[in-house]
Amino acid sequence: MGAGLASVLSNLQVVIVLLAAWLIWGERPSTTQAVGIPIALTGIVLISGVLGGDAYGEDPLLGSILGVFVALTYAAYLLLIRKGRDRTHAAGPILDATIACLAAGLVAGIVFGDFDPVPTLPGHIWLLLLALSAQVVGGVLLAVALPRLPAATTSLILLVQPVLAVIFAIIILAEAPSALQLVGVALVIGGVALGSASRRGDRDDGARALPIGASGT
């Protein structure tokens, strides 16, 4: 379905975390947040291409299903980070996640027969630059910034990422989402923005832990 649309769907983690917090911890969403959920879900339907025959991508429906699955796993990650966060060590959760990812990747590579410890050039150089820039630097800066900003402000700023992803994908990768898919993008981002809105009276620590948004993952 392309990098742009896939980036938009990964941001649904905000809505999923909101629902999970409601079901697990009894944190009822505000009226604004509740309105954002069906709006975002409508956007997924439009992005999937089921309502239009000119949707971009080899299989936009399958891509949408996988994109929602990505959002589910991302939401699970954020919920674990929320419960085990350490305010004194901003990079700690990122290190833990990196080690876990390394172990899981190693096991998966051995099981599926794809494990190859010999690096290849320039492929691994690009992967190293990606890891150090978008993941390490971006992740640490995000972890440092989150406690210093209101939750709603942080989430709205982070929503610039999927918007730019769609724009850059069109310009750089020549991706061509249909008109309905672009409407779906707007609905998903709008629904996520509403879902990121803090409830009046929320405690700062609780509110800031939920709508973390996308960090390039």
N, C-alpha and C. Protein backbone atom coordinates (compact mmCIF):
# COMPACT_ATOMS: atom_id res chain seq x y z
N MET A 1 0.81 -1.21 0.00
CA MET A 1 0.00 0.00 0.00
C MET A 1 0.85 1.27 0.00
N GLY A 2 2.16 1.11 0.04
CA GLY A 2 3.03 2.27 0.01
C GLY A 2 3.45 2.74 1.39
N ALA A 3 4.58 3.43 1.43
CA ALA A 3 5.13 3.89 2.71
C ALA A 3 4.27 4.97 3.36
N GLY A 4 3.68 5.84 2.55
CA GLY A 4 2.90 6.95 3.10
C GLY A 4 1.66 6.47 3.84
N LEU A 5 0.84 5.65 3.17
CA LEU A 5 -0.39 5.16 3.79
C LEU A 5 -0.08 4.25 4.98
N ALA A 6 0.99 3.45 4.87
CA ALA A 6 1.35 2.57 5.98
C ALA A 6 1.74 3.38 7.21
N SER A 7 2.42 4.50 7.00
CA SER A 7 2.81 5.35 8.14
C SER A 7 1.59 5.93 8.83
N VAL A 8 0.58 6.27 8.05
CA VAL A 8 -0.65 6.80 8.64
C VAL A 8 -1.31 5.75 9.53
N LEU A 9 -1.41 4.53 9.04
CA LEU A 9 -2.09 3.48 9.80
C LEU A 9 -1.35 3.14 11.09
N SER A 10 -0.04 3.25 11.10
CA SER A 10 0.71 2.94 12.32
C SER A 10 0.36 3.89 13.45
N ASN A 11 -0.13 5.08 13.11
CA ASN A 11 -0.49 6.05 14.13
C ASN A 11 -1.82 5.75 14.81
N LEU A 12 -2.51 4.71 14.38
CA LEU A 12 -3.74 4.30 15.05
C LEU A 12 -3.48 3.78 16.45
N GLN A 13 -2.21 3.59 16.80
CA GLN A 13 -1.88 3.15 18.15
C GLN A 13 -2.47 4.06 19.21
N VAL A 14 -2.64 5.35 18.91
CA VAL A 14 -3.22 6.28 19.87
C VAL A 14 -4.63 5.84 20.25
N VAL A 15 -5.44 5.51 19.24
CA VAL A 15 -6.82 5.09 19.47
C VAL A 15 -6.83 3.74 20.21
N ILE A 16 -5.93 2.84 19.81
CA ILE A 16 -5.90 1.50 20.43
C ILE A 16 -5.49 1.61 21.89
N VAL A 17 -4.50 2.44 22.19
CA VAL A 17 -4.07 2.63 23.58
C VAL A 17 -5.22 3.21 24.39
N LEU A 18 -5.96 4.14 23.80
CA LEU A 18 -7.10 4.74 24.48
C LEU A 18 -8.14 3.68 24.85
N LEU A 19 -8.45 2.79 23.90
CA LEU A 19 -9.41 1.73 24.17
C LEU A 19 -8.87 0.75 25.21
N ALA A 20 -7.59 0.41 25.11
CA ALA A 20 -6.99 -0.53 26.05
C ALA A 20 -6.99 0.04 27.46
N ALA A 21 -6.68 1.34 27.59
CA ALA A 21 -6.69 1.97 28.92
C ALA A 21 -8.09 1.96 29.51
N TRP A 22 -9.08 2.08 28.66
CA TRP A 22 -10.48 2.04 29.12
C TRP A 22 -10.84 0.63 29.61
N LEU A 23 -10.46 -0.40 28.83
CA LEU A 23 -10.82 -1.77 29.17
C LEU A 23 -9.99 -2.32 30.33
N ILE A 24 -8.70 -1.96 30.38
CA ILE A 24 -7.80 -2.55 31.37
C ILE A 24 -7.82 -1.78 32.69
N TRP A 25 -7.74 -0.45 32.60
CA TRP A 25 -7.60 0.37 33.81
C TRP A 25 -8.84 1.21 34.12
N GLY A 26 -9.88 1.06 33.30
CA GLY A 26 -11.11 1.79 33.56
C GLY A 26 -11.01 3.28 33.32
N GLU A 27 -10.08 3.72 32.48
CA GLU A 27 -9.92 5.14 32.17
C GLU A 27 -10.87 5.50 31.04
N ARG A 28 -12.04 5.97 31.40
CA ARG A 28 -13.06 6.27 30.40
C ARG A 28 -12.64 7.44 29.52
N PRO A 29 -12.80 7.30 28.20
CA PRO A 29 -12.45 8.40 27.30
C PRO A 29 -13.44 9.54 27.42
N SER A 30 -12.97 10.72 27.11
CA SER A 30 -13.87 11.88 27.09
C SER A 30 -14.77 11.79 25.86
N THR A 31 -15.74 12.69 25.79
CA THR A 31 -16.63 12.71 24.63
C THR A 31 -15.85 12.96 23.35
N THR A 32 -14.89 13.88 23.41
CA THR A 32 -14.07 14.19 22.24
C THR A 32 -13.28 12.97 21.79
N GLN A 33 -12.68 12.27 22.75
CA GLN A 33 -11.91 11.09 22.41
C GLN A 33 -12.80 10.00 21.83
N ALA A 34 -13.98 9.83 22.39
CA ALA A 34 -14.90 8.80 21.91
C ALA A 34 -15.34 9.08 20.47
N VAL A 35 -15.49 10.35 20.13
CA VAL A 35 -15.87 10.72 18.76
C VAL A 35 -14.74 10.39 17.79
N GLY A 36 -13.50 10.53 18.25
CA GLY A 36 -12.36 10.29 17.37
C GLY A 36 -12.23 8.85 16.92
N ILE A 37 -12.71 7.90 17.74
CA ILE A 37 -12.53 6.48 17.42
C ILE A 37 -13.26 6.08 16.13
N PRO A 38 -14.57 6.33 16.00
CA PRO A 38 -15.25 5.94 14.75
C PRO A 38 -14.75 6.73 13.54
N ILE A 39 -14.30 7.96 13.76
CA ILE A 39 -13.74 8.74 12.64
C ILE A 39 -12.50 8.05 12.10
N ALA A 40 -11.61 7.64 13.00
CA ALA A 40 -10.39 6.96 12.58
C ALA A 40 -10.70 5.63 11.90
N LEU A 41 -11.67 4.89 12.42
CA LEU A 41 -12.04 3.61 11.82
C LEU A 41 -12.63 3.79 10.42
N THR A 42 -13.38 4.85 10.22
CA THR A 42 -13.90 5.16 8.89
C THR A 42 -12.76 5.43 7.92
N GLY A 43 -11.74 6.13 8.42
CA GLY A 43 -10.57 6.41 7.59
C GLY A 43 -9.87 5.13 7.15
N ILE A 44 -9.81 4.13 8.03
CA ILE A 44 -9.18 2.86 7.66
C ILE A 44 -9.93 2.22 6.50
N VAL A 45 -11.27 2.25 6.56
CA VAL A 45 -12.08 1.66 5.49
C VAL A 45 -11.77 2.32 4.16
N LEU A 46 -11.65 3.64 4.16
CA LEU A 46 -11.37 4.35 2.90
C LEU A 46 -9.96 4.05 2.40
N ILE A 47 -9.00 3.98 3.31
CA ILE A 47 -7.63 3.69 2.90
C ILE A 47 -7.52 2.27 2.33
N SER A 48 -8.30 1.35 2.86
CA SER A 48 -8.23 -0.05 2.42
C SER A 48 -8.67 -0.25 0.97
N GLY A 49 -9.44 0.71 0.44
CA GLY A 49 -9.86 0.61 -0.95
C GLY A 49 -11.10 -0.20 -1.18
N VAL A 50 -11.78 -0.65 -0.14
CA VAL A 50 -12.98 -1.49 -0.34
C VAL A 50 -14.14 -0.69 -0.93
N LEU A 51 -14.08 0.63 -0.84
CA LEU A 51 -15.17 1.46 -1.37
C LEU A 51 -14.81 2.11 -2.70
N GLY A 52 -13.65 1.76 -3.25
CA GLY A 52 -13.25 2.36 -4.51
C GLY A 52 -12.30 1.45 -5.26
N GLY A 53 -12.41 1.41 -6.58
CA GLY A 53 -11.60 0.50 -7.37
C GLY A 53 -10.26 1.06 -7.78
N ASP A 54 -9.99 2.33 -7.48
CA ASP A 54 -8.75 2.93 -7.94
C ASP A 54 -7.77 3.17 -6.79
N ALA A 55 -7.90 2.37 -5.73
CA ALA A 55 -7.02 2.54 -4.58
C ALA A 55 -5.58 2.19 -4.95
N TYR A 56 -4.65 2.96 -4.40
CA TYR A 56 -3.23 2.73 -4.69
C TYR A 56 -2.72 1.52 -3.91
N GLY A 57 -1.82 0.77 -4.54
CA GLY A 57 -1.19 -0.37 -3.89
C GLY A 57 -1.54 -1.68 -4.55
N GLU A 58 -0.64 -2.66 -4.43
CA GLU A 58 -0.89 -3.97 -5.01
C GLU A 58 -2.04 -4.69 -4.30
N ASP A 59 -2.15 -4.50 -2.99
CA ASP A 59 -3.24 -5.11 -2.22
C ASP A 59 -3.53 -4.20 -1.03
N PRO A 60 -4.23 -3.09 -1.25
CA PRO A 60 -4.47 -2.13 -0.17
C PRO A 60 -5.26 -2.70 1.00
N LEU A 61 -6.14 -3.67 0.73
CA LEU A 61 -6.92 -4.27 1.82
C LEU A 61 -6.00 -5.05 2.75
N LEU A 62 -5.14 -5.90 2.18
CA LEU A 62 -4.19 -6.64 3.00
C LEU A 62 -3.23 -5.68 3.69
N GLY A 63 -2.82 -4.65 2.98
CA GLY A 63 -1.94 -3.65 3.58
C GLY A 63 -2.58 -2.97 4.77
N SER A 64 -3.87 -2.69 4.68
CA SER A 64 -4.58 -2.05 5.79
C SER A 64 -4.67 -2.98 6.99
N ILE A 65 -4.93 -4.28 6.72
CA ILE A 65 -4.99 -5.24 7.81
C ILE A 65 -3.65 -5.33 8.52
N LEU A 66 -2.57 -5.40 7.75
CA LEU A 66 -1.23 -5.47 8.34
C LEU A 66 -0.89 -4.16 9.06
N GLY A 67 -1.34 -3.03 8.50
CA GLY A 67 -1.09 -1.74 9.14
C GLY A 67 -1.76 -1.64 10.50
N VAL A 68 -2.98 -2.13 10.59
CA VAL A 68 -3.69 -2.14 11.88
C VAL A 68 -2.98 -3.07 12.86
N PHE A 69 -2.46 -4.20 12.36
CA PHE A 69 -1.73 -5.12 13.23
C PHE A 69 -0.46 -4.44 13.76
N VAL A 70 0.20 -3.66 12.92
CA VAL A 70 1.37 -2.89 13.38
C VAL A 70 0.97 -1.94 14.51
N ALA A 71 -0.16 -1.26 14.32
CA ALA A 71 -0.64 -0.34 15.35
C ALA A 71 -0.95 -1.08 16.65
N LEU A 72 -1.49 -2.29 16.55
CA LEU A 72 -1.78 -3.08 17.74
C LEU A 72 -0.50 -3.42 18.50
N THR A 73 0.52 -3.86 17.78
CA THR A 73 1.77 -4.21 18.45
C THR A 73 2.45 -2.97 19.01
N TYR A 74 2.36 -1.85 18.30
CA TYR A 74 2.93 -0.60 18.79
C TYR A 74 2.22 -0.15 20.05
N ALA A 75 0.90 -0.31 20.07
CA ALA A 75 0.13 0.07 21.25
C ALA A 75 0.53 -0.80 22.44
N ALA A 76 0.73 -2.10 22.20
CA ALA A 76 1.16 -2.98 23.28
C ALA A 76 2.51 -2.54 23.84
N TYR A 77 3.40 -2.13 22.96
CA TYR A 77 4.71 -1.62 23.38
C TYR A 77 4.56 -0.39 24.27
N LEU A 78 3.70 0.53 23.85
CA LEU A 78 3.52 1.76 24.62
C LEU A 78 2.89 1.49 25.98
N LEU A 79 1.97 0.53 26.03
CA LEU A 79 1.35 0.18 27.31
C LEU A 79 2.38 -0.42 28.26
N LEU A 80 3.29 -1.24 27.73
CA LEU A 80 4.35 -1.79 28.57
C LEU A 80 5.30 -0.70 29.04
N ILE A 81 5.62 0.24 28.14
CA ILE A 81 6.49 1.36 28.51
C ILE A 81 5.83 2.19 29.60
N ARG A 82 4.51 2.36 29.49
CA ARG A 82 3.79 3.16 30.48
C ARG A 82 3.89 2.54 31.87
N LYS A 83 3.72 1.22 31.93
CA LYS A 83 3.73 0.56 33.23
C LYS A 83 5.13 0.43 33.82
N GLY A 84 6.14 0.42 32.95
CA GLY A 84 7.49 0.22 33.46
C GLY A 84 8.41 1.41 33.24
N ARG A 85 7.83 2.60 33.04
CA ARG A 85 8.67 3.76 32.71
C ARG A 85 9.53 4.17 33.90
N ASP A 86 10.70 4.68 33.58
CA ASP A 86 11.66 5.15 34.57
C ASP A 86 12.00 6.59 34.23
N ARG A 87 11.52 7.52 35.03
CA ARG A 87 11.71 8.94 34.72
C ARG A 87 13.17 9.38 34.80
N THR A 88 14.01 8.62 35.48
CA THR A 88 15.41 9.03 35.65
C THR A 88 16.31 8.52 34.53
N HIS A 89 15.83 7.57 33.74
CA HIS A 89 16.64 7.03 32.66
C HIS A 89 15.79 6.98 31.38
N ALA A 90 15.83 8.07 30.62
CA ALA A 90 14.97 8.19 29.44
C ALA A 90 15.29 7.15 28.38
N ALA A 91 16.58 6.76 28.26
CA ALA A 91 16.97 5.82 27.22
C ALA A 91 16.81 4.37 27.65
N GLY A 92 16.51 4.12 28.92
CA GLY A 92 16.40 2.76 29.42
C GLY A 92 15.40 1.91 28.67
N PRO A 93 14.14 2.37 28.52
CA PRO A 93 13.15 1.56 27.78
C PRO A 93 13.57 1.28 26.34
N ILE A 94 14.26 2.26 25.72
CA ILE A 94 14.70 2.05 24.34
C ILE A 94 15.76 0.97 24.28
N LEU A 95 16.68 0.96 25.27
CA LEU A 95 17.69 -0.09 25.32
C LEU A 95 17.05 -1.45 25.53
N ASP A 96 16.08 -1.52 26.44
CA ASP A 96 15.39 -2.79 26.68
C ASP A 96 14.69 -3.28 25.42
N ALA A 97 14.03 -2.36 24.72
CA ALA A 97 13.32 -2.74 23.50
C ALA A 97 14.30 -3.19 22.42
N THR A 98 15.46 -2.55 22.35
CA THR A 98 16.47 -2.92 21.35
C THR A 98 16.99 -4.33 21.61
N ILE A 99 17.28 -4.63 22.87
CA ILE A 99 17.77 -5.97 23.22
C ILE A 99 16.71 -7.02 22.92
N ALA A 100 15.45 -6.72 23.26
CA ALA A 100 14.36 -7.66 22.99
C ALA A 100 14.19 -7.88 21.49
N CYS A 101 14.31 -6.79 20.71
CA CYS A 101 14.19 -6.90 19.25
C CYS A 101 15.32 -7.74 18.68
N LEU A 102 16.54 -7.54 19.20
CA LEU A 102 17.69 -8.33 18.76
C LEU A 102 17.46 -9.82 19.02
N ALA A 103 17.00 -10.14 20.22
CA ALA A 103 16.77 -11.54 20.57
C ALA A 103 15.67 -12.15 19.70
N ALA A 104 14.57 -11.41 19.52
CA ALA A 104 13.46 -11.92 18.71
C ALA A 104 13.88 -12.09 17.25
N GLY A 105 14.64 -11.12 16.73
CA GLY A 105 15.11 -11.22 15.36
C GLY A 105 16.05 -12.39 15.15
N LEU A 106 16.92 -12.63 16.13
CA LEU A 106 17.85 -13.75 16.05
C LEU A 106 17.10 -15.08 16.02
N VAL A 107 16.13 -15.23 16.92
CA VAL A 107 15.35 -16.47 16.97
C VAL A 107 14.57 -16.66 15.67
N ALA A 108 13.92 -15.57 15.19
CA ALA A 108 13.14 -15.67 13.96
C ALA A 108 14.03 -16.01 12.77
N GLY A 109 15.23 -15.41 12.72
CA GLY A 109 16.14 -15.70 11.62
C GLY A 109 16.58 -17.15 11.59
N ILE A 110 16.83 -17.71 12.77
CA ILE A 110 17.25 -19.11 12.85
C ILE A 110 16.09 -20.04 12.49
N VAL A 111 14.89 -19.73 13.00
CA VAL A 111 13.73 -20.58 12.75
C VAL A 111 13.38 -20.61 11.26
N PHE A 112 13.40 -19.43 10.61
CA PHE A 112 13.01 -19.35 9.21
C PHE A 112 14.18 -19.53 8.25
N GLY A 113 15.39 -19.72 8.79
CA GLY A 113 16.55 -19.99 7.95
C GLY A 113 17.11 -18.77 7.24
N ASP A 114 16.80 -17.55 7.72
CA ASP A 114 17.28 -16.33 7.08
C ASP A 114 18.44 -15.68 7.82
N PHE A 115 18.90 -16.28 8.91
CA PHE A 115 19.94 -15.65 9.71
C PHE A 115 21.28 -15.69 8.96
N ASP A 116 21.88 -14.53 8.81
CA ASP A 116 23.18 -14.41 8.14
C ASP A 116 23.99 -13.35 8.88
N PRO A 117 24.98 -13.75 9.68
CA PRO A 117 25.73 -12.78 10.50
C PRO A 117 26.72 -11.94 9.72
N VAL A 118 26.94 -12.26 8.44
CA VAL A 118 27.92 -11.51 7.64
C VAL A 118 27.28 -10.25 7.08
N PRO A 119 27.77 -9.06 7.44
CA PRO A 119 27.16 -7.82 6.94
C PRO A 119 27.42 -7.63 5.45
N THR A 120 26.52 -6.93 4.80
CA THR A 120 26.67 -6.61 3.38
C THR A 120 26.70 -5.10 3.22
N LEU A 121 27.47 -4.64 2.27
CA LEU A 121 27.61 -3.21 2.01
C LEU A 121 27.03 -2.90 0.63
N PRO A 122 26.36 -1.73 0.49
CA PRO A 122 26.17 -0.69 1.52
C PRO A 122 24.89 -0.87 2.34
N GLY A 123 24.21 -2.00 2.17
CA GLY A 123 22.92 -2.17 2.83
C GLY A 123 22.97 -1.97 4.33
N HIS A 124 23.95 -2.58 4.99
CA HIS A 124 24.02 -2.47 6.44
C HIS A 124 24.43 -1.07 6.90
N ILE A 125 25.16 -0.34 6.05
CA ILE A 125 25.51 1.04 6.39
C ILE A 125 24.25 1.89 6.46
N TRP A 126 23.36 1.70 5.49
CA TRP A 126 22.10 2.46 5.50
C TRP A 126 21.25 2.08 6.70
N LEU A 127 21.23 0.79 7.05
CA LEU A 127 20.49 0.35 8.23
C LEU A 127 21.07 0.95 9.50
N LEU A 128 22.41 1.03 9.57
CA LEU A 128 23.05 1.62 10.75
C LEU A 128 22.70 3.10 10.87
N LEU A 129 22.74 3.83 9.75
CA LEU A 129 22.37 5.25 9.78
C LEU A 129 20.92 5.43 10.18
N LEU A 130 20.05 4.54 9.68
CA LEU A 130 18.64 4.60 10.06
C LEU A 130 18.47 4.37 11.55
N ALA A 131 19.19 3.38 12.08
CA ALA A 131 19.07 3.06 13.51
C ALA A 131 19.56 4.22 14.37
N LEU A 132 20.68 4.82 14.00
CA LEU A 132 21.26 5.88 14.83
C LEU A 132 20.47 7.18 14.73
N SER A 133 19.87 7.44 13.58
CA SER A 133 19.16 8.71 13.40
C SER A 133 17.71 8.61 13.86
N ALA A 134 16.90 7.93 13.08
CA ALA A 134 15.45 7.89 13.36
C ALA A 134 15.13 7.18 14.66
N GLN A 135 15.84 6.11 14.97
CA GLN A 135 15.48 5.31 16.14
C GLN A 135 16.17 5.79 17.41
N VAL A 136 17.50 5.83 17.41
CA VAL A 136 18.21 6.16 18.65
C VAL A 136 18.04 7.64 18.99
N VAL A 137 18.48 8.53 18.09
CA VAL A 137 18.40 9.96 18.37
C VAL A 137 16.94 10.40 18.49
N GLY A 138 16.11 9.99 17.53
CA GLY A 138 14.70 10.37 17.58
C GLY A 138 13.99 9.83 18.80
N GLY A 139 14.27 8.57 19.15
CA GLY A 139 13.62 7.97 20.31
C GLY A 139 14.02 8.61 21.61
N VAL A 140 15.31 8.91 21.76
CA VAL A 140 15.78 9.55 22.99
C VAL A 140 15.22 10.97 23.11
N LEU A 141 15.24 11.73 22.02
CA LEU A 141 14.68 13.08 22.06
C LEU A 141 13.20 13.05 22.41
N LEU A 142 12.49 12.07 21.87
CA LEU A 142 11.06 11.93 22.18
C LEU A 142 10.86 11.61 23.66
N ALA A 143 11.68 10.69 24.18
CA ALA A 143 11.55 10.31 25.58
C ALA A 143 11.86 11.48 26.51
N VAL A 144 12.79 12.33 26.11
CA VAL A 144 13.15 13.49 26.92
C VAL A 144 12.07 14.57 26.82
N ALA A 145 11.46 14.72 25.64
CA ALA A 145 10.50 15.79 25.42
C ALA A 145 9.14 15.50 26.05
N LEU A 146 8.73 14.22 26.06
CA LEU A 146 7.38 13.88 26.51
C LEU A 146 7.03 14.41 27.90
N PRO A 147 7.90 14.24 28.90
CA PRO A 147 7.51 14.72 30.23
C PRO A 147 7.44 16.23 30.34
N ARG A 148 7.93 16.95 29.34
CA ARG A 148 8.01 18.41 29.43
C ARG A 148 6.92 19.12 28.65
N LEU A 149 6.05 18.36 28.01
CA LEU A 149 4.99 18.96 27.21
C LEU A 149 3.64 18.34 27.58
N PRO A 150 2.57 19.12 27.44
CA PRO A 150 1.24 18.54 27.63
C PRO A 150 1.00 17.42 26.63
N ALA A 151 0.23 16.43 27.03
CA ALA A 151 0.00 15.27 26.17
C ALA A 151 -0.59 15.66 24.83
N ALA A 152 -1.62 16.52 24.85
CA ALA A 152 -2.29 16.90 23.60
C ALA A 152 -1.33 17.61 22.66
N THR A 153 -0.51 18.49 23.21
CA THR A 153 0.46 19.23 22.38
C THR A 153 1.45 18.28 21.74
N THR A 154 1.98 17.35 22.52
CA THR A 154 2.94 16.39 22.00
C THR A 154 2.34 15.56 20.88
N SER A 155 1.13 15.06 21.09
CA SER A 155 0.49 14.20 20.10
C SER A 155 0.22 14.95 18.80
N LEU A 156 -0.24 16.19 18.90
CA LEU A 156 -0.53 16.96 17.70
C LEU A 156 0.75 17.26 16.93
N ILE A 157 1.84 17.54 17.63
CA ILE A 157 3.12 17.77 16.95
C ILE A 157 3.57 16.51 16.23
N LEU A 158 3.42 15.36 16.89
CA LEU A 158 3.86 14.11 16.30
C LEU A 158 3.00 13.70 15.11
N LEU A 159 1.80 14.26 14.99
CA LEU A 159 0.96 13.94 13.84
C LEU A 159 1.48 14.57 12.55
N VAL A 160 2.48 15.46 12.68
CA VAL A 160 3.12 15.99 11.48
C VAL A 160 3.84 14.86 10.73
N GLN A 161 4.31 13.86 11.47
CA GLN A 161 5.08 12.77 10.86
C GLN A 161 4.28 12.00 9.80
N PRO A 162 3.08 11.50 10.09
CA PRO A 162 2.35 10.78 9.03
C PRO A 162 1.95 11.68 7.87
N VAL A 163 1.67 12.95 8.15
CA VAL A 163 1.33 13.88 7.06
C VAL A 163 2.52 14.04 6.13
N LEU A 164 3.72 14.25 6.70
CA LEU A 164 4.92 14.39 5.88
C LEU A 164 5.25 13.09 5.17
N ALA A 165 4.96 11.95 5.83
CA ALA A 165 5.23 10.66 5.19
C ALA A 165 4.43 10.51 3.91
N VAL A 166 3.17 10.91 3.93
CA VAL A 166 2.34 10.83 2.72
C VAL A 166 2.87 11.78 1.64
N ILE A 167 3.21 13.01 2.06
CA ILE A 167 3.70 14.01 1.09
C ILE A 167 5.03 13.57 0.48
N PHE A 168 5.96 13.11 1.32
CA PHE A 168 7.26 12.67 0.82
C PHE A 168 7.14 11.44 -0.07
N ALA A 169 6.21 10.52 0.29
CA ALA A 169 6.02 9.33 -0.52
C ALA A 169 5.51 9.68 -1.91
N ILE A 170 4.65 10.69 -1.99
CA ILE A 170 4.15 11.14 -3.29
C ILE A 170 5.27 11.79 -4.11
N ILE A 171 6.09 12.62 -3.45
CA ILE A 171 7.13 13.36 -4.16
C ILE A 171 8.33 12.47 -4.50
N ILE A 172 8.81 11.72 -3.51
CA ILE A 172 10.06 10.97 -3.68
C ILE A 172 9.83 9.59 -4.30
N LEU A 173 8.78 8.89 -3.85
CA LEU A 173 8.55 7.51 -4.30
C LEU A 173 7.48 7.40 -5.38
N ALA A 174 6.92 8.53 -5.80
CA ALA A 174 5.91 8.55 -6.86
C ALA A 174 4.68 7.73 -6.50
N GLU A 175 4.36 7.65 -5.21
CA GLU A 175 3.14 6.96 -4.81
C GLU A 175 1.94 7.85 -5.15
N ALA A 176 0.83 7.21 -5.50
CA ALA A 176 -0.34 7.96 -5.97
C ALA A 176 -1.61 7.48 -5.29
N PRO A 177 -1.82 7.83 -4.02
CA PRO A 177 -3.07 7.45 -3.34
C PRO A 177 -4.28 8.04 -4.06
N SER A 178 -5.38 7.31 -4.04
CA SER A 178 -6.60 7.81 -4.67
C SER A 178 -7.20 8.92 -3.82
N ALA A 179 -8.20 9.58 -4.40
CA ALA A 179 -8.86 10.67 -3.67
C ALA A 179 -9.52 10.14 -2.40
N LEU A 180 -10.17 8.96 -2.49
CA LEU A 180 -10.81 8.39 -1.31
C LEU A 180 -9.77 8.01 -0.25
N GLN A 181 -8.63 7.52 -0.67
CA GLN A 181 -7.59 7.17 0.30
C GLN A 181 -7.06 8.41 1.00
N LEU A 182 -6.92 9.52 0.27
CA LEU A 182 -6.47 10.76 0.89
C LEU A 182 -7.51 11.28 1.88
N VAL A 183 -8.79 11.11 1.55
CA VAL A 183 -9.83 11.46 2.51
C VAL A 183 -9.70 10.57 3.75
N GLY A 184 -9.42 9.29 3.53
CA GLY A 184 -9.21 8.37 4.65
C GLY A 184 -8.03 8.79 5.50
N VAL A 185 -6.96 9.25 4.87
CA VAL A 185 -5.79 9.76 5.61
C VAL A 185 -6.22 10.90 6.53
N ALA A 186 -7.00 11.84 5.97
CA ALA A 186 -7.45 12.98 6.76
C ALA A 186 -8.32 12.52 7.94
N LEU A 187 -9.18 11.53 7.70
CA LEU A 187 -10.05 11.04 8.77
C LEU A 187 -9.25 10.33 9.86
N VAL A 188 -8.28 9.51 9.46
CA VAL A 188 -7.47 8.82 10.46
C VAL A 188 -6.70 9.81 11.31
N ILE A 189 -6.07 10.78 10.66
CA ILE A 189 -5.29 11.77 11.40
C ILE A 189 -6.20 12.61 12.29
N GLY A 190 -7.38 12.97 11.76
CA GLY A 190 -8.33 13.72 12.58
C GLY A 190 -8.82 12.92 13.76
N GLY A 191 -9.12 11.63 13.53
CA GLY A 191 -9.56 10.78 14.63
C GLY A 191 -8.49 10.59 15.67
N VAL A 192 -7.24 10.43 15.22
CA VAL A 192 -6.13 10.28 16.15
C VAL A 192 -5.93 11.57 16.95
N ALA A 193 -6.08 12.71 16.28
CA ALA A 193 -5.94 13.99 16.98
C ALA A 193 -6.99 14.13 18.08
N LEU A 194 -8.22 13.74 17.79
CA LEU A 194 -9.27 13.79 18.81
C LEU A 194 -8.99 12.78 19.92
N GLY A 195 -8.49 11.60 19.53
CA GLY A 195 -8.16 10.60 20.53
C GLY A 195 -7.01 11.02 21.42
N SER A 196 -6.16 11.91 20.92
CA SER A 196 -5.02 12.38 21.69
C SER A 196 -5.38 13.49 22.66
N ALA A 197 -6.56 14.05 22.52
CA ALA A 197 -6.96 15.17 23.37
C ALA A 197 -7.04 14.73 24.82
N SER A 198 -6.39 15.48 25.69
CA SER A 198 -6.40 15.15 27.12
C SER A 198 -7.74 15.49 27.73
N ARG A 199 -8.16 14.64 28.64
CA ARG A 199 -9.39 14.94 29.38
C ARG A 199 -9.10 15.99 30.43
N ARG A 200 -10.02 16.88 30.62
CA ARG A 200 -9.88 17.91 31.64
C ARG A 200 -9.80 17.24 33.01
N GLY A 201 -8.78 17.63 33.75
CA GLY A 201 -8.61 17.08 35.08
C GLY A 201 -7.70 15.88 35.13
N ASP A 202 -7.20 15.40 33.96
CA ASP A 202 -6.26 14.29 33.97
C ASP A 202 -4.99 14.69 34.68
N ARG A 203 -4.38 13.76 35.36
CA ARG A 203 -3.07 13.98 35.94
C ARG A 203 -2.06 14.04 34.83
N ASP A 204 -1.03 14.89 34.97
CA ASP A 204 -0.04 15.07 33.92
C ASP A 204 0.66 13.77 33.58
N ASP A 205 1.04 13.00 34.60
CA ASP A 205 1.82 11.80 34.32
C ASP A 205 0.98 10.77 33.57
N GLY A 206 -0.26 10.64 33.93
CA GLY A 206 -1.10 9.66 33.26
C GLY A 206 -1.43 10.07 31.85
N ALA A 207 -1.75 11.35 31.65
CA ALA A 207 -2.13 11.81 30.32
C ALA A 207 -0.95 11.76 29.37
N ARG A 208 0.23 12.11 29.85
CA ARG A 208 1.37 12.16 28.95
C ARG A 208 1.85 10.78 28.55
N ALA A 209 1.46 9.78 29.29
CA ALA A 209 1.95 8.44 28.98
C ALA A 209 1.18 7.79 27.85
N LEU A 210 -0.02 8.31 27.53
CA LEU A 210 -0.85 7.63 26.56
C LEU A 210 -0.56 8.00 25.11
N PRO A 211 -0.80 9.27 24.70
CA PRO A 211 -0.75 9.56 23.29
C PRO A 211 0.67 9.87 22.82
N ILE A 212 1.53 8.87 22.78
CA ILE A 212 2.92 9.11 22.43
C ILE A 212 3.08 9.37 20.94
N GLY A 213 2.23 8.78 20.13
CA GLY A 213 2.31 9.05 18.71
C GLY A 213 3.41 8.24 18.05
N ALA A 214 3.67 8.51 16.79
CA ALA A 214 4.67 7.76 16.05
C ALA A 214 6.04 8.36 16.25
N SER A 215 7.03 7.50 16.29
CA SER A 215 8.40 7.97 16.45
C SER A 215 9.30 7.40 15.37
N GLY A 216 8.73 7.16 14.22
CA GLY A 216 9.53 6.61 13.15
C GLY A 216 9.56 5.10 13.14
N THR A 217 8.82 4.47 14.01
CA THR A 217 8.83 3.02 14.08
C THR A 217 8.12 2.43 12.86
